[in-house]
Amino acid sequence: MTEDEIIASIKRQLKIRQKTVVVGPGDDAAVVSYNSKEYLILTTDCVVEDVHFSRKDTPLSLIARKAIAVNLSDIAAMGGLPLYALVSVGLPKGPTSKDISQIIKGLQYITDRFSFDIVGGNLTKSDKLFIDVSLVGKVEKKYLKLRSGANPGDLIFVTGRLGGSQIKKHMKFTPRIEEARKIIKTVPVSAMMDISDGLSTDLIRLAKAGGTGFKIYLDKIPVSKDAIKISKTREEVISHALNDGEDYELVFTVDMSLKDKVPDRINSLPLTCIGKITKEERYIGVNSDGKEILIHPYGYSHF
């Protein structure tokens, strides 16, 4: 089974009993009732040695920083702000006080940067290092954003530049909490999610969630310097921008009539229109010569 097939199977078999659950499995995070004006957002993610990082090549502080940051990216995608985190750490035999201090340093860097607290967690012995984080955030009901809200004709935007993140960005990226908040307060966003597994995979997920398709213009996709650095041809550059995982940027949609309200930049971060949502459930990319190709979900998958 693929990762998406596993998630679909879980959704079919799980029963949601409480009426306070607004959004269950299948979006960037779960959403539950909180008060008259706000929802709570709940998400969890982990980083595992030899899957998300190499222990010998990566300082523990950066590993811990990433473990928190990937969860913050999910909170950003829902339009929210972080509140509390629980952190569970699996440690191989023989951790030192220096090791623990480095992990705390990485965790505190992120909690200080985004003003939330680690309120508990768990320690266990493990053959390989892992850090598992559960994060609680909040969002005003009027600002909650889901994957499923895009409508035919909506324009598709991405933040930042895509591709090549495996060189260095994936361990040091900045979650787009502040930028997401400014975007949704500036213009009505119909759908939003983070790009964690690659634009091709995640944009298809967004389209499927709303029962739509899309047409994107491949030459309009903003590419990173690292994607250019590791490519020999323009086709390779586009492939990296489409399919490399762990960019942790945002993809969002806006009604075409509101295009002029979307700024070119927020906090110096570029916002780029790359295409539009279509009624027909096909996923199309348009080359520089105008030729249409089918976009497949060739981004990262665990399975």
C-alpha atoms as a PDB file:
ATOM      1  CA  MET A   1       0.000   0.000   0.000  1.00  0.00           C
ATOM      2  CA  THR A   2       1.115   3.557  -0.679  1.00  0.00           C
ATOM      3  CA  GLU A   3       1.126   6.188   2.058  1.00  0.00           C
ATOM      4  CA  ASP A   4      -2.092   7.747   0.738  1.00  0.00           C
ATOM      5  CA  GLU A   5      -3.760   4.326   0.503  1.00  0.00           C
ATOM      6  CA  ILE A   6      -2.824   3.576   4.119  1.00  0.00           C
ATOM      7  CA  ILE A   7      -4.289   6.902   5.269  1.00  0.00           C
ATOM      8  CA  ALA A   8      -7.479   6.291   3.276  1.00  0.00           C
ATOM      9  CA  SER A   9      -7.811   2.846   4.883  1.00  0.00           C
ATOM     10  CA  ILE A  10      -7.325   4.324   8.359  1.00  0.00           C
ATOM     11  CA  LYS A  11     -10.004   6.944   7.677  1.00  0.00           C
ATOM     12  CA  ARG A  12     -12.486   4.263   6.589  1.00  0.00           C
ATOM     13  CA  GLN A  13     -11.905   2.135   9.685  1.00  0.00           C
ATOM     14  CA  LEU A  14     -11.685   4.797  12.384  1.00  0.00           C
ATOM     15  CA  LYS A  15     -14.863   5.951  14.075  1.00  0.00           C
ATOM     16  CA  ILE A  16     -15.150   9.545  15.270  1.00  0.00           C
ATOM     17  CA  ARG A  17     -17.543   9.571  18.228  1.00  0.00           C
ATOM     18  CA  GLN A  18     -17.304  13.097  19.585  1.00  0.00           C
ATOM     19  CA  LYS A  19     -19.267  15.888  17.932  1.00  0.00           C
ATOM     20  CA  THR A  20     -16.548  18.326  18.974  1.00  0.00           C
ATOM     21  CA  VAL A  21     -14.296  16.930  16.219  1.00  0.00           C
ATOM     22  CA  VAL A  22     -14.500  19.413  13.340  1.00  0.00           C
ATOM     23  CA  VAL A  23     -11.791  17.869  11.125  1.00  0.00           C
ATOM     24  CA  GLY A  24     -10.482  14.338  11.584  1.00  0.00           C
ATOM     25  CA  PRO A  25      -7.721  12.415   9.756  1.00  0.00           C
ATOM     26  CA  GLY A  26      -6.806  13.502   6.241  1.00  0.00           C
ATOM     27  CA  ASP A  27      -5.893  17.179   6.443  1.00  0.00           C
ATOM     28  CA  ASP A  28      -2.631  18.756   7.635  1.00  0.00           C
ATOM     29  CA  ALA A  29      -3.961  18.610  11.207  1.00  0.00           C
ATOM     30  CA  ALA A  30      -7.044  17.689  13.197  1.00  0.00           C
ATOM     31  CA  VAL A  31      -9.425  20.409  14.363  1.00  0.00           C
ATOM     32  CA  VAL A  32     -11.670  20.302  17.442  1.00  0.00           C
ATOM     33  CA  SER A  33     -14.049  22.754  19.085  1.00  0.00           C
ATOM     34  CA  TYR A  34     -12.531  25.087  21.668  1.00  0.00           C
ATOM     35  CA  ASN A  35     -14.600  28.196  22.328  1.00  0.00           C
ATOM     36  CA  SER A  36     -17.071  30.449  20.549  1.00  0.00           C
ATOM     37  CA  LYS A  37     -14.384  32.137  18.417  1.00  0.00           C
ATOM     38  CA  GLU A  38     -11.560  29.605  18.091  1.00  0.00           C
ATOM     39  CA  TYR A  39     -10.743  26.008  17.257  1.00  0.00           C
ATOM     40  CA  LEU A  40      -7.932  23.879  18.634  1.00  0.00           C
ATOM     41  CA  ILE A  41      -5.528  22.355  16.094  1.00  0.00           C
ATOM     42  CA  LEU A  42      -3.813  19.041  16.874  1.00  0.00           C
ATOM     43  CA  THR A  43      -0.961  17.532  14.903  1.00  0.00           C
ATOM     44  CA  THR A  44       1.861  15.053  15.355  1.00  0.00           C
ATOM     45  CA  ASP A  45       4.976  14.090  13.417  1.00  0.00           C
ATOM     46  CA  CYS A  46       8.340  12.512  14.041  1.00  0.00           C
ATOM     47  CA  VAL A  47      11.866  12.428  12.651  1.00  0.00           C
ATOM     48  CA  VAL A  48      13.684   9.099  12.549  1.00  0.00           C
ATOM     49  CA  GLU A  49      17.381   8.333  12.121  1.00  0.00           C
ATOM     50  CA  ASP A  50      18.295   7.091   8.620  1.00  0.00           C
ATOM     51  CA  VAL A  51      14.866   8.135   7.337  1.00  0.00           C
ATOM     52  CA  HIS A  52      14.793  11.898   7.921  1.00  0.00           C
ATOM     53  CA  PHE A  53      18.429  12.495   8.850  1.00  0.00           C
ATOM     54  CA  SER A  54      21.846  10.905   9.145  1.00  0.00           C
ATOM     55  CA  ARG A  55      23.121  10.933  12.717  1.00  0.00           C
ATOM     56  CA  LYS A  56      26.778  11.171  11.747  1.00  0.00           C
ATOM     57  CA  ASP A  57      26.203  14.183   9.482  1.00  0.00           C
ATOM     58  CA  THR A  58      23.696  16.179  11.526  1.00  0.00           C
ATOM     59  CA  PRO A  59      24.038  17.975  14.882  1.00  0.00           C
ATOM     60  CA  LEU A  60      21.480  16.905  17.472  1.00  0.00           C
ATOM     61  CA  SER A  61      20.339  20.502  17.839  1.00  0.00           C
ATOM     62  CA  LEU A  62      19.267  20.598  14.170  1.00  0.00           C
ATOM     63  CA  ILE A  63      17.514  17.238  14.460  1.00  0.00           C
ATOM     64  CA  ALA A  64      15.489  18.510  17.425  1.00  0.00           C
ATOM     65  CA  ARG A  65      14.790  21.807  15.680  1.00  0.00           C
ATOM     66  CA  LYS A  66      13.409  19.967  12.635  1.00  0.00           C
ATOM     67  CA  ALA A  67      11.263  17.670  14.795  1.00  0.00           C
ATOM     68  CA  ILE A  68       9.377  20.695  16.120  1.00  0.00           C
ATOM     69  CA  ALA A  69       9.433  22.651  12.865  1.00  0.00           C
ATOM     70  CA  VAL A  70       7.667  19.980  10.769  1.00  0.00           C
ATOM     71  CA  ASN A  71       4.729  20.134  13.173  1.00  0.00           C
ATOM     72  CA  LEU A  72       4.677  23.922  13.057  1.00  0.00           C
ATOM     73  CA  SER A  73       4.402  23.712   9.281  1.00  0.00           C
ATOM     74  CA  ASP A  74       1.128  21.794   9.708  1.00  0.00           C
ATOM     75  CA  ILE A  75      -0.181  24.435  12.110  1.00  0.00           C
ATOM     76  CA  ALA A  76       0.752  27.132   9.577  1.00  0.00           C
ATOM     77  CA  ALA A  77      -1.135  25.300   6.828  1.00  0.00           C
ATOM     78  CA  MET A  78      -4.330  25.483   8.901  1.00  0.00           C
ATOM     79  CA  GLY A  79      -3.873  29.224   9.515  1.00  0.00           C
ATOM     80  CA  GLY A  80      -3.084  28.764  13.200  1.00  0.00           C
ATOM     81  CA  LEU A  81      -0.687  29.593  16.001  1.00  0.00           C
ATOM     82  CA  PRO A  82       1.130  27.081  18.262  1.00  0.00           C
ATOM     83  CA  LEU A  83       0.333  26.722  21.973  1.00  0.00           C
ATOM     84  CA  TYR A  84       1.752  23.542  23.559  1.00  0.00           C
ATOM     85  CA  ALA A  85       3.990  20.631  22.574  1.00  0.00           C
ATOM     86  CA  LEU A  86       4.691  17.151  23.912  1.00  0.00           C
ATOM     87  CA  VAL A  87       8.053  15.663  22.918  1.00  0.00           C
ATOM     88  CA  SER A  88       8.970  11.978  23.022  1.00  0.00           C
ATOM     89  CA  VAL A  89      12.585  10.982  22.393  1.00  0.00           C
ATOM     90  CA  GLY A  90      13.997   7.541  21.629  1.00  0.00           C
ATOM     91  CA  LEU A  91      17.667   7.476  22.574  1.00  0.00           C
ATOM     92  CA  PRO A  92      20.261   4.873  21.610  1.00  0.00           C
ATOM     93  CA  LYS A  93      22.367   3.433  24.405  1.00  0.00           C
ATOM     94  CA  GLY A  94      24.742   5.787  26.193  1.00  0.00           C
ATOM     95  CA  PRO A  95      23.392   9.343  25.781  1.00  0.00           C
ATOM     96  CA  THR A  96      25.601  12.006  27.336  1.00  0.00           C
ATOM     97  CA  SER A  97      24.715  15.233  29.082  1.00  0.00           C
ATOM     98  CA  LYS A  98      26.077  17.044  26.015  1.00  0.00           C
ATOM     99  CA  ASP A  99      23.673  15.090  23.808  1.00  0.00           C
ATOM    100  CA  ILE A 100      20.702  16.084  25.960  1.00  0.00           C
ATOM    101  CA  SER A 101      21.814  19.720  26.028  1.00  0.00           C
ATOM    102  CA  GLN A 102      22.042  19.759  22.238  1.00  0.00           C
ATOM    103  CA  ILE A 103      18.523  18.364  21.892  1.00  0.00           C
ATOM    104  CA  ILE A 104      17.183  20.961  24.336  1.00  0.00           C
ATOM    105  CA  LYS A 105      19.025  23.704  22.450  1.00  0.00           C
ATOM    106  CA  GLY A 106      17.292  22.770  19.205  1.00  0.00           C
ATOM    107  CA  LEU A 107      13.873  22.535  20.824  1.00  0.00           C
ATOM    108  CA  GLN A 108      14.251  25.856  22.603  1.00  0.00           C
ATOM    109  CA  TYR A 109      15.384  27.628  19.452  1.00  0.00           C
ATOM    110  CA  ILE A 110      11.995  26.927  17.871  1.00  0.00           C
ATOM    111  CA  THR A 111       9.856  27.449  20.980  1.00  0.00           C
ATOM    112  CA  ASP A 112      11.529  30.810  21.604  1.00  0.00           C
ATOM    113  CA  ARG A 113      11.161  31.807  17.958  1.00  0.00           C
ATOM    114  CA  PHE A 114       7.411  31.096  17.900  1.00  0.00           C
ATOM    115  CA  SER A 115       6.491  31.685  21.567  1.00  0.00           C
ATOM    116  CA  PHE A 116       4.984  28.380  22.696  1.00  0.00           C
ATOM    117  CA  ASP A 117       5.818  25.831  25.394  1.00  0.00           C
ATOM    118  CA  ILE A 118       6.924  22.226  25.696  1.00  0.00           C
ATOM    119  CA  VAL A 119       4.759  20.921  28.536  1.00  0.00           C
ATOM    120  CA  GLY A 120       5.758  17.248  28.747  1.00  0.00           C
ATOM    121  CA  GLY A 121       6.767  14.144  26.843  1.00  0.00           C
ATOM    122  CA  ASN A 122       8.463  10.772  27.185  1.00  0.00           C
ATOM    123  CA  LEU A 123      11.884   9.122  27.065  1.00  0.00           C
ATOM    124  CA  THR A 124      12.615   5.606  25.847  1.00  0.00           C
ATOM    125  CA  LYS A 125      15.563   3.487  24.792  1.00  0.00           C
ATOM    126  CA  SER A 126      15.724   2.876  21.056  1.00  0.00           C
ATOM    127  CA  ASP A 127      18.062   1.237  18.552  1.00  0.00           C
ATOM    128  CA  LYS A 128      17.949   4.432  16.509  1.00  0.00           C
ATOM    129  CA  LEU A 129      17.367   8.028  17.495  1.00  0.00           C
ATOM    130  CA  PHE A 130      13.896   9.425  16.948  1.00  0.00           C
ATOM    131  CA  ILE A 131      12.043  12.509  18.152  1.00  0.00           C
ATOM    132  CA  ASP A 132       8.248  12.458  18.088  1.00  0.00           C
ATOM    133  CA  VAL A 133       6.285  15.661  18.661  1.00  0.00           C
ATOM    134  CA  SER A 134       2.606  16.305  19.301  1.00  0.00           C
ATOM    135  CA  LEU A 135       1.601  19.941  18.941  1.00  0.00           C
ATOM    136  CA  VAL A 136      -1.530  21.826  19.934  1.00  0.00           C
ATOM    137  CA  GLY A 137      -2.380  25.154  18.365  1.00  0.00           C
ATOM    138  CA  LYS A 138      -5.360  27.413  17.889  1.00  0.00           C
ATOM    139  CA  VAL A 139      -7.012  29.313  15.076  1.00  0.00           C
ATOM    140  CA  GLU A 140      -9.887  31.756  14.854  1.00  0.00           C
ATOM    141  CA  LYS A 141     -12.863  30.069  13.233  1.00  0.00           C
ATOM    142  CA  LYS A 142     -12.973  32.690  10.484  1.00  0.00           C
ATOM    143  CA  TYR A 143      -9.344  31.978   9.564  1.00  0.00           C
ATOM    144  CA  LEU A 144      -9.338  28.155   9.549  1.00  0.00           C
ATOM    145  CA  LYS A 145      -7.982  26.842   6.235  1.00  0.00           C
ATOM    146  CA  LEU A 146      -8.416  23.318   4.868  1.00  0.00           C
ATOM    147  CA  ARG A 147      -7.157  21.442   1.839  1.00  0.00           C
ATOM    148  CA  SER A 148     -10.662  20.944   0.534  1.00  0.00           C
ATOM    149  CA  GLY A 149     -11.849  24.494  -0.157  1.00  0.00           C
ATOM    150  CA  ALA A 150     -10.504  25.167  -3.659  1.00  0.00           C
ATOM    151  CA  ASN A 151     -13.043  25.946  -6.405  1.00  0.00           C
ATOM    152  CA  PRO A 152     -12.717  25.738 -10.210  1.00  0.00           C
ATOM    153  CA  GLY A 153     -11.177  28.958 -11.484  1.00  0.00           C
ATOM    154  CA  ASP A 154      -9.248  29.674  -8.279  1.00  0.00           C
ATOM    155  CA  LEU A 155      -5.626  30.667  -8.807  1.00  0.00           C
ATOM    156  CA  ILE A 156      -2.834  28.571  -7.294  1.00  0.00           C
ATOM    157  CA  PHE A 157       0.002  30.282  -5.395  1.00  0.00           C
ATOM    158  CA  VAL A 158       3.127  28.995  -3.676  1.00  0.00           C
ATOM    159  CA  THR A 159       5.411  30.664  -1.157  1.00  0.00           C
ATOM    160  CA  GLY A 160       9.179  30.747  -1.457  1.00  0.00           C
ATOM    161  CA  ARG A 161      11.244  28.697  -3.885  1.00  0.00           C
ATOM    162  CA  LEU A 162      11.016  24.964  -4.387  1.00  0.00           C
ATOM    163  CA  GLY A 163      13.356  22.026  -4.889  1.00  0.00           C
ATOM    164  CA  GLY A 164      16.803  20.976  -3.741  1.00  0.00           C
ATOM    165  CA  SER A 165      15.881  21.107  -0.060  1.00  0.00           C
ATOM    166  CA  GLN A 166      17.802  17.911   0.684  1.00  0.00           C
ATOM    167  CA  ILE A 167      21.075  19.832   0.338  1.00  0.00           C
ATOM    168  CA  LYS A 168      20.536  21.911   3.489  1.00  0.00           C
ATOM    169  CA  LYS A 169      17.145  23.592   3.737  1.00  0.00           C
ATOM    170  CA  HIS A 170      15.241  20.592   5.153  1.00  0.00           C
ATOM    171  CA  MET A 171      17.156  20.789   8.442  1.00  0.00           C
ATOM    172  CA  LYS A 172      17.029  24.577   8.815  1.00  0.00           C
ATOM    173  CA  PHE A 173      13.745  25.681   7.249  1.00  0.00           C
ATOM    174  CA  THR A 174      11.555  28.313   8.874  1.00  0.00           C
ATOM    175  CA  PRO A 175       7.912  27.232   9.328  1.00  0.00           C
ATOM    176  CA  ARG A 176       5.619  29.719   7.572  1.00  0.00           C
ATOM    177  CA  ILE A 177       3.523  30.526  10.649  1.00  0.00           C
ATOM    178  CA  GLU A 178       3.899  34.312  10.355  1.00  0.00           C
ATOM    179  CA  GLU A 179       3.540  34.376   6.583  1.00  0.00           C
ATOM    180  CA  ALA A 180       0.430  32.182   6.617  1.00  0.00           C
ATOM    181  CA  ARG A 181      -1.220  34.468   9.149  1.00  0.00           C
ATOM    182  CA  LYS A 182      -0.465  37.542   7.054  1.00  0.00           C
ATOM    183  CA  ILE A 183      -1.680  35.868   3.862  1.00  0.00           C
ATOM    184  CA  ILE A 184      -5.054  34.824   5.286  1.00  0.00           C
ATOM    185  CA  LYS A 185      -5.565  38.245   6.858  1.00  0.00           C
ATOM    186  CA  THR A 186      -4.729  39.976   3.561  1.00  0.00           C
ATOM    187  CA  VAL A 187      -6.847  37.961   1.129  1.00  0.00           C
ATOM    188  CA  PRO A 188      -9.581  35.309   1.466  1.00  0.00           C
ATOM    189  CA  VAL A 189      -7.801  31.987   0.893  1.00  0.00           C
ATOM    190  CA  SER A 190     -10.019  29.123  -0.280  1.00  0.00           C
ATOM    191  CA  ALA A 191      -7.610  26.239   0.434  1.00  0.00           C
ATOM    192  CA  MET A 192      -4.132  25.838   1.852  1.00  0.00           C
ATOM    193  CA  MET A 193      -1.628  23.136   2.802  1.00  0.00           C
ATOM    194  CA  ASP A 194       2.083  22.806   3.334  1.00  0.00           C
ATOM    195  CA  ILE A 195       4.429  21.315   0.740  1.00  0.00           C
ATOM    196  CA  SER A 196       6.169  18.559   2.667  1.00  0.00           C
ATOM    197  CA  ASP A 197       6.244  15.673   0.175  1.00  0.00           C
ATOM    198  CA  GLY A 198       6.784  17.655  -3.016  1.00  0.00           C
ATOM    199  CA  LEU A 199       4.568  20.024  -5.000  1.00  0.00           C
ATOM    200  CA  SER A 200       3.355  17.314  -7.403  1.00  0.00           C
ATOM    201  CA  THR A 201       2.158  15.055  -4.586  1.00  0.00           C
ATOM    202  CA  ASP A 202       0.747  17.731  -2.304  1.00  0.00           C
ATOM    203  CA  LEU A 203      -1.030  19.767  -4.989  1.00  0.00           C
ATOM    204  CA  ILE A 204      -2.730  16.574  -6.194  1.00  0.00           C
ATOM    205  CA  ARG A 205      -3.812  15.931  -2.590  1.00  0.00           C
ATOM    206  CA  LEU A 206      -5.264  19.437  -2.387  1.00  0.00           C
ATOM    207  CA  ALA A 207      -7.143  18.976  -5.662  1.00  0.00           C
ATOM    208  CA  LYS A 208      -8.481  15.547  -4.661  1.00  0.00           C
ATOM    209  CA  ALA A 209      -9.681  16.918  -1.320  1.00  0.00           C
ATOM    210  CA  GLY A 210     -11.915  19.374  -3.178  1.00  0.00           C
ATOM    211  CA  GLY A 211     -12.880  17.074  -6.052  1.00  0.00           C
ATOM    212  CA  THR A 212     -11.102  19.276  -8.590  1.00  0.00           C
ATOM    213  CA  GLY A 213      -8.132  19.246 -10.936  1.00  0.00           C
ATOM    214  CA  PHE A 214      -5.480  21.812 -11.837  1.00  0.00           C
ATOM    215  CA  LYS A 215      -3.402  23.279 -14.617  1.00  0.00           C
ATOM    216  CA  ILE A 216       0.002  24.678 -13.694  1.00  0.00           C
ATOM    217  CA  TYR A 217       2.591  26.424 -15.845  1.00  0.00           C
ATOM    218  CA  LEU A 218       5.892  24.700 -15.190  1.00  0.00           C
ATOM    219  CA  ASP A 219       8.089  27.682 -16.068  1.00  0.00           C
ATOM    220  CA  LYS A 220       6.260  29.772 -13.461  1.00  0.00           C
ATOM    221  CA  ILE A 221       7.239  27.487 -10.573  1.00  0.00           C
ATOM    222  CA  PRO A 222       9.802  29.394  -8.474  1.00  0.00           C
ATOM    223  CA  VAL A 223      12.906  27.238  -8.098  1.00  0.00           C
ATOM    224  CA  SER A 224      15.631  27.399  -5.474  1.00  0.00           C
ATOM    225  CA  LYS A 225      19.312  27.977  -6.112  1.00  0.00           C
ATOM    226  CA  ASP A 226      20.003  24.513  -4.735  1.00  0.00           C
ATOM    227  CA  ALA A 227      17.633  22.937  -7.278  1.00  0.00           C
ATOM    228  CA  ILE A 228      19.542  24.714 -10.043  1.00  0.00           C
ATOM    229  CA  LYS A 229      22.871  23.686  -8.527  1.00  0.00           C
ATOM    230  CA  ILE A 230      22.105  19.958  -8.653  1.00  0.00           C
ATOM    231  CA  SER A 231      20.580  20.028 -12.148  1.00  0.00           C
ATOM    232  CA  LYS A 232      22.167  19.810 -15.587  1.00  0.00           C
ATOM    233  CA  THR A 233      19.118  20.784 -17.631  1.00  0.00           C
ATOM    234  CA  ARG A 234      16.043  22.981 -17.282  1.00  0.00           C
ATOM    235  CA  GLU A 235      13.936  19.809 -17.261  1.00  0.00           C
ATOM    236  CA  GLU A 236      15.848  18.531 -14.218  1.00  0.00           C
ATOM    237  CA  VAL A 237      15.350  21.849 -12.442  1.00  0.00           C
ATOM    238  CA  ILE A 238      11.573  21.630 -12.953  1.00  0.00           C
ATOM    239  CA  SER A 239      11.578  18.002 -11.837  1.00  0.00           C
ATOM    240  CA  HIS A 240      13.284  18.937  -8.562  1.00  0.00           C
ATOM    241  CA  ALA A 241      10.871  21.819  -7.994  1.00  0.00           C
ATOM    242  CA  LEU A 242       7.899  19.526  -8.618  1.00  0.00           C
ATOM    243  CA  ASN A 243       8.985  16.398  -6.815  1.00  0.00           C
ATOM    244  CA  ASP A 244      11.575  17.061  -4.117  1.00  0.00           C
ATOM    245  CA  GLY A 245      10.137  16.633  -0.646  1.00  0.00           C
ATOM    246  CA  GLU A 246      10.663  18.712   2.472  1.00  0.00           C
ATOM    247  CA  ASP A 247      10.358  22.217   1.045  1.00  0.00           C
ATOM    248  CA  TYR A 248       7.881  23.131   3.827  1.00  0.00           C
ATOM    249  CA  GLU A 249       6.510  26.035   1.844  1.00  0.00           C
ATOM    250  CA  LEU A 250       2.771  26.693   1.418  1.00  0.00           C
ATOM    251  CA  VAL A 251       0.497  26.129  -1.563  1.00  0.00           C
ATOM    252  CA  PHE A 252      -2.781  28.060  -1.435  1.00  0.00           C
ATOM    253  CA  THR A 253      -5.672  29.040  -3.674  1.00  0.00           C
ATOM    254  CA  VAL A 254      -7.494  32.343  -4.163  1.00  0.00           C
ATOM    255  CA  ASP A 255     -10.554  33.336  -6.185  1.00  0.00           C
ATOM    256  CA  MET A 256      -9.438  34.771  -9.516  1.00  0.00           C
ATOM    257  CA  SER A 257     -11.265  38.055  -8.849  1.00  0.00           C
ATOM    258  CA  LEU A 258      -8.982  38.634  -5.852  1.00  0.00           C
ATOM    259  CA  LYS A 259      -5.690  38.161  -7.702  1.00  0.00           C
ATOM    260  CA  ASP A 260      -4.644  41.801  -7.328  1.00  0.00           C
ATOM    261  CA  LYS A 261      -5.039  41.584  -3.543  1.00  0.00           C
ATOM    262  CA  VAL A 262      -2.297  38.951  -3.267  1.00  0.00           C
ATOM    263  CA  PRO A 263       0.997  40.764  -2.599  1.00  0.00           C
ATOM    264  CA  ASP A 264       4.186  39.854  -4.461  1.00  0.00           C
ATOM    265  CA  ARG A 265       5.955  39.291  -1.141  1.00  0.00           C
ATOM    266  CA  ILE A 266       5.219  38.852   2.547  1.00  0.00           C
ATOM    267  CA  ASN A 267       8.107  39.248   5.018  1.00  0.00           C
ATOM    268  CA  SER A 268      10.437  39.253   1.956  1.00  0.00           C
ATOM    269  CA  LEU A 269       9.038  35.817   1.007  1.00  0.00           C
ATOM    270  CA  PRO A 270       7.889  35.704  -2.650  1.00  0.00           C
ATOM    271  CA  LEU A 271       4.321  34.626  -3.451  1.00  0.00           C
ATOM    272  CA  THR A 272       4.014  33.223  -6.974  1.00  0.00           C
ATOM    273  CA  CYS A 273       0.961  32.332  -9.042  1.00  0.00           C
ATOM    274  CA  ILE A 274       1.674  29.070 -10.882  1.00  0.00           C
ATOM    275  CA  GLY A 275      -1.702  28.070 -12.318  1.00  0.00           C
ATOM    276  CA  LYS A 276      -5.376  27.512 -11.617  1.00  0.00           C
ATOM    277  CA  ILE A 277      -7.851  24.995 -10.249  1.00  0.00           C
ATOM    278  CA  THR A 278      -9.986  23.251 -12.890  1.00  0.00           C
ATOM    279  CA  LYS A 279     -13.372  21.546 -12.757  1.00  0.00           C
ATOM    280  CA  GLU A 280     -12.132  18.472 -14.600  1.00  0.00           C
ATOM    281  CA  GLU A 281     -10.252  16.135 -12.250  1.00  0.00           C
ATOM    282  CA  ARG A 282      -7.037  16.057 -14.281  1.00  0.00           C
ATOM    283  CA  TYR A 283      -3.613  17.229 -13.165  1.00  0.00           C
ATOM    284  CA  ILE A 284      -1.951  19.109 -15.992  1.00  0.00           C
ATOM    285  CA  GLY A 285       1.399  20.817 -16.400  1.00  0.00           C
ATOM    286  CA  VAL A 286       2.090  23.155 -19.321  1.00  0.00           C
ATOM    287  CA  ASN A 287       5.628  23.297 -20.733  1.00  0.00           C
ATOM    288  CA  SER A 288       7.291  26.456 -22.029  1.00  0.00           C
ATOM    289  CA  ASP A 289       6.305  25.435 -25.571  1.00  0.00           C
ATOM    290  CA  GLY A 290       2.631  25.140 -24.565  1.00  0.00           C
ATOM    291  CA  LYS A 291       2.572  21.336 -24.555  1.00  0.00           C
ATOM    292  CA  GLU A 292       0.418  19.781 -21.827  1.00  0.00           C
ATOM    293  CA  ILE A 293       1.686  16.854 -19.756  1.00  0.00           C
ATOM    294  CA  LEU A 294       0.082  14.852 -16.973  1.00  0.00           C
ATOM    295  CA  ILE A 295       1.427  15.560 -13.496  1.00  0.00           C
ATOM    296  CA  HIS A 296       1.909  12.464 -11.363  1.00  0.00           C
ATOM    297  CA  PRO A 297       2.518  12.337  -7.587  1.00  0.00           C
ATOM    298  CA  TYR A 298       6.245  11.693  -7.808  1.00  0.00           C
ATOM    299  CA  GLY A 299       7.094  13.395  -4.529  1.00  0.00           C
ATOM    300  CA  TYR A 300       8.349  11.636  -1.414  1.00  0.00           C
ATOM    301  CA  SER A 301       6.426   8.664  -0.033  1.00  0.00           C
ATOM    302  CA  HIS A 302       7.392   6.535   2.961  1.00  0.00           C
ATOM    303  CA  PHE A 303       5.991   3.364   1.399  1.00  0.00           C
END
